[in-house]
Protein backbone atom coordinates (compact mmCIF):
# COMPACT_ATOMS: atom_id res chain seq x y z
CA MET A 1 28.27 42.52 43.56
CA LYS A 2 29.19 46.17 43.91
CA LEU A 3 26.17 48.83 45.01
CA LYS A 4 26.80 52.61 45.56
CA VAL A 5 26.37 54.22 49.01
CA GLN A 6 23.34 57.00 49.40
CA LYS A 7 22.98 58.95 51.98
CA LEU A 8 19.51 58.78 53.91
CA ASP A 9 18.02 61.47 52.07
CA GLY A 10 18.33 59.33 49.01
CA THR A 11 21.32 61.28 47.29
CA ALA A 12 24.75 59.85 46.27
CA GLY A 13 26.85 59.27 49.01
CA LYS A 14 30.34 58.40 48.90
CA GLY A 15 32.00 55.28 46.89
CA GLU A 16 30.26 52.11 46.72
CA VAL A 17 30.53 49.17 48.85
CA GLU A 18 31.65 45.52 47.39
CA LEU A 19 28.90 42.93 48.52
CA ASN A 20 30.88 39.76 49.22
CA ASP A 21 29.13 36.71 46.88
CA ALA A 22 29.85 34.36 49.51
CA VAL A 23 27.35 36.37 52.02
CA PHE A 24 24.68 38.11 49.20
CA GLY A 25 25.73 35.81 46.18
CA VAL A 26 24.01 32.64 47.14
CA GLU A 27 21.15 30.91 45.85
CA PRO A 28 17.78 31.19 47.89
CA ARG A 29 16.05 27.92 48.23
CA ALA A 30 12.55 28.19 49.21
CA ASP A 31 12.48 24.66 51.46
CA ILE A 32 15.85 26.39 53.20
CA LEU A 33 14.03 29.60 53.85
CA HIS A 34 10.89 27.86 54.75
CA ARG A 35 12.91 25.71 58.21
CA VAL A 36 14.57 28.68 59.35
CA VAL A 37 10.93 31.09 59.29
CA THR A 38 8.77 27.52 60.88
CA TRP A 39 11.90 27.39 63.36
CA GLN A 40 12.15 31.05 64.38
CA LEU A 41 8.43 31.74 64.62
CA GLU A 42 7.85 28.30 67.13
CA LYS A 43 10.80 29.84 69.30
CA ARG A 44 8.82 33.01 70.04
CA ARG A 45 6.13 30.87 70.91
CA ALA A 46 5.58 30.67 74.79
CA PRO A 47 5.30 27.32 76.22
CA ALA A 48 1.35 26.32 77.66
CA ARG A 49 0.68 26.24 81.03
CA ALA A 50 -0.82 22.77 82.39
CA THR A 51 -3.85 22.81 84.50
CA ARG A 52 -3.91 20.78 87.68
CA GLU A 53 -6.58 18.24 87.47
CA ARG A 54 -8.38 16.35 90.22
CA SER A 55 -5.04 14.46 91.44
CA GLU A 56 -3.34 17.68 91.85
CA VAL A 57 -5.44 19.80 93.75
CA ALA A 58 -4.39 20.35 97.40
CA ARG A 59 -7.88 19.80 98.87
CA THR A 60 -9.16 16.84 101.85
CA GLY A 61 -9.87 13.38 99.74
CA LYS A 62 -12.04 12.82 103.05
CA LYS A 63 -16.16 11.85 102.50
CA PHE A 64 -17.76 14.85 103.99
CA GLY A 65 -21.35 13.64 103.65
CA ARG A 66 -23.55 10.78 104.08
CA GLN A 67 -24.10 8.64 100.89
CA LYS A 68 -27.63 8.73 101.33
CA GLY A 69 -30.38 10.85 103.38
CA GLY A 70 -28.61 14.04 102.82
CA GLY A 71 -31.03 15.54 100.82
CA THR A 72 -28.12 16.47 98.11
CA ALA A 73 -26.00 14.50 95.57
CA ARG A 74 -23.18 11.82 96.15
CA HIS A 75 -20.07 13.30 96.55
CA GLY A 76 -16.86 11.84 97.34
CA ASP A 77 -14.33 14.61 98.10
CA ARG A 78 -13.58 18.41 97.30
CA ARG A 79 -11.30 17.74 94.39
CA ALA A 80 -14.10 17.18 91.91
CA PRO A 81 -14.14 19.38 89.26
CA ILE A 82 -17.85 20.75 90.20
CA PHE A 83 -16.54 22.69 93.64
CA ILE A 84 -14.46 25.88 93.19
CA GLY A 85 -11.11 24.94 93.91
CA GLY A 86 -11.50 21.49 92.73
CA GLY A 87 -9.47 19.98 89.70
CA LYS A 88 -10.09 21.00 86.07
CA ALA A 89 -11.63 18.24 84.04
CA HIS A 90 -10.26 17.32 80.78
CA GLY A 91 -7.52 20.67 81.54
CA ALA A 92 -4.50 21.40 79.02
CA ARG A 93 -1.31 19.91 79.67
CA ALA A 94 1.99 21.61 79.56
CA ARG A 95 3.42 22.02 75.67
CA THR A 96 6.50 22.91 74.48
CA PHE A 97 6.43 24.14 70.58
CA GLY A 98 10.45 24.88 69.77
CA HIS A 99 12.17 22.74 68.23
CA SER A 100 15.99 22.73 67.26
CA LEU A 101 17.69 23.11 63.78
CA ASN A 102 21.18 23.00 63.08
CA LYS A 103 23.61 25.51 63.37
CA LYS A 104 24.50 25.43 59.88
CA VAL A 105 20.73 25.15 58.64
CA ARG A 106 20.38 28.95 60.30
CA ALA A 107 23.67 30.07 58.97
CA LEU A 108 22.60 29.17 55.54
CA GLY A 109 18.97 30.78 56.04
CA LEU A 110 20.39 34.16 56.32
CA LYS A 111 23.38 33.96 53.68
CA MET A 112 20.05 33.10 51.73
CA ALA A 113 17.64 35.77 52.87
CA LEU A 114 19.93 38.16 52.30
CA SER A 115 21.04 37.07 48.48
CA ALA A 116 17.13 36.96 47.86
CA LYS A 117 17.09 40.75 48.74
CA ALA A 118 20.69 41.43 46.72
CA GLN A 119 18.96 39.54 43.82
CA GLY A 120 15.58 41.18 43.62
CA ASN A 121 17.45 45.08 43.71
CA ALA A 122 15.70 45.59 47.17
CA ILE A 123 19.24 46.15 49.14
CA LEU A 124 20.09 49.77 49.60
CA ILE A 125 23.43 51.01 51.22
CA VAL A 126 23.87 53.97 52.89
CA ASP A 127 26.79 55.67 54.98
CA SER A 128 24.75 56.55 58.17
CA LEU A 129 21.36 56.64 59.60
CA ASP A 130 21.85 59.98 61.37
CA VAL A 131 18.63 62.22 61.88
CA ALA A 132 18.86 65.65 62.30
CA GLU A 133 17.20 66.58 66.23
CA GLY A 134 15.85 62.80 65.66
CA LYS A 135 12.45 64.49 63.66
CA THR A 136 10.01 62.08 62.67
CA LYS A 137 8.58 64.40 60.14
CA ALA A 138 12.34 65.03 58.60
CA LEU A 139 13.12 61.19 58.31
CA SER A 140 9.63 60.48 56.56
CA ALA A 141 10.68 62.81 54.00
CA HIS A 142 14.24 61.27 53.40
CA LEU A 143 12.10 57.67 53.14
CA ALA A 144 10.19 59.01 50.90
CA LYS A 145 13.33 60.19 48.35
CA LEU A 146 14.95 57.22 49.34
CA GLY A 147 12.26 54.71 48.49
CA ALA A 148 12.05 52.56 51.03
CA ASN A 149 8.89 53.05 52.35
CA ARG A 150 8.67 49.32 54.14
CA ALA A 151 12.05 48.27 55.46
CA LEU A 152 14.22 47.09 57.53
CA PHE A 153 17.35 48.94 58.60
CA ILE A 154 20.34 47.00 60.15
CA ASP A 155 22.77 48.93 61.66
CA GLY A 156 26.79 48.00 63.13
CA ASP A 157 27.21 47.16 66.96
CA ALA A 158 24.14 49.12 68.08
CA THR A 159 21.26 51.31 66.52
CA ASN A 160 21.26 54.79 66.04
CA VAL A 161 19.69 56.83 68.73
CA SER A 162 18.56 59.65 66.48
CA PHE A 163 17.18 57.03 64.04
CA ALA A 164 15.60 54.89 66.31
CA ARG A 165 13.78 58.26 67.99
CA ALA A 166 12.30 59.58 64.71
CA SER A 167 11.16 55.93 63.19
CA ALA A 168 9.31 54.86 66.80
CA ASN A 169 6.02 55.80 65.07
CA LEU A 170 6.54 54.97 61.49
CA PRO A 171 4.62 52.08 59.91
CA GLY A 172 6.73 49.47 58.02
CA ILE A 173 9.81 50.80 59.09
CA ASN A 174 12.05 48.67 61.99
CA LEU A 175 15.73 49.17 63.11
CA LEU A 176 18.00 46.10 64.21
CA PRO A 177 21.52 46.07 64.92
CA ALA A 178 23.90 43.48 62.76
CA VAL A 179 23.80 40.91 65.53
CA GLY A 180 19.86 40.53 65.53
CA ALA A 181 19.78 40.41 61.61
CA ASN A 182 17.07 37.13 60.99
CA VAL A 183 15.70 35.66 58.07
CA TYR A 184 11.55 36.39 59.40
CA ASP A 185 12.69 40.06 59.51
CA ILE A 186 13.99 40.14 56.59
CA LEU A 187 12.01 38.49 54.58
CA LYS A 188 8.70 40.36 55.57
CA HIS A 189 10.29 43.53 54.44
CA ASP A 190 10.01 44.90 50.99
CA THR A 191 13.38 46.84 51.27
CA LEU A 192 16.78 46.20 53.42
CA VAL A 193 18.69 48.91 53.93
CA LEU A 194 22.62 48.43 55.39
CA THR A 195 25.18 50.96 56.44
CA ARG A 196 28.49 50.74 55.85
CA ALA A 197 29.07 49.12 59.18
CA ALA A 198 26.14 46.48 59.10
CA VAL A 199 27.73 45.18 55.58
CA GLU A 200 31.07 44.95 57.71
CA GLN A 201 29.39 43.32 60.73
CA LEU A 202 27.79 40.80 58.47
CA GLU A 203 30.63 39.43 56.57
CA ALA A 204 32.68 39.43 59.56
CA ARG A 205 30.11 37.33 61.08
CA PHE A 206 30.04 34.27 58.65
CA ALA A 207 33.82 34.75 58.34
CA LEU A 208 34.46 32.83 61.53
CA PRO A 209 34.75 28.88 61.34
CA GLY A 210 31.14 27.30 60.81
CA GLY A 211 29.38 31.03 60.01
CA SER A 212 27.96 31.84 63.35
CA ASN A 213 24.53 32.48 63.44
């Protein structure tokens, strides 16, 4: 698949970029994409912290009052849940939510996410992400002409500083380096905008044995 290179303001750029079918021409499968997105979201969840129950708090276990005749309720020790500093009754237990996912499945999911955008004509190629003086107003005007109002921009090894500054206050616009490309963010946005460097980085990423993700 060949795509024409554009400038950030929507005007025609120089030349074309040919997308590798091994990366951008894979037939998407909903089950693979669902598995990868679920894995990503679960990996983001922090583990649930356990609360200390009656047997785990550091308080005395000595009976502190008489069984009868004190005029108060009977108590065996200060670890009871009714006391300040006592153990939690039926407290939360430690839980982890992440699970492992085969590396080949993760790599395949990323290829399918990129291919889904390519098949839906939702990929744009730009020569660079330079924004004059890093001004938000200038970038907003460029994006309106480019037709990328809710888009994910992926750059090369490092993100463009001027674009990052200009896009910080624009809702629906996100920027990632090529190494940070992931299935969830790609599918979440309507349009995927890649620089020439991003295309080279993504294709080189899968040129390694096994296709790194």
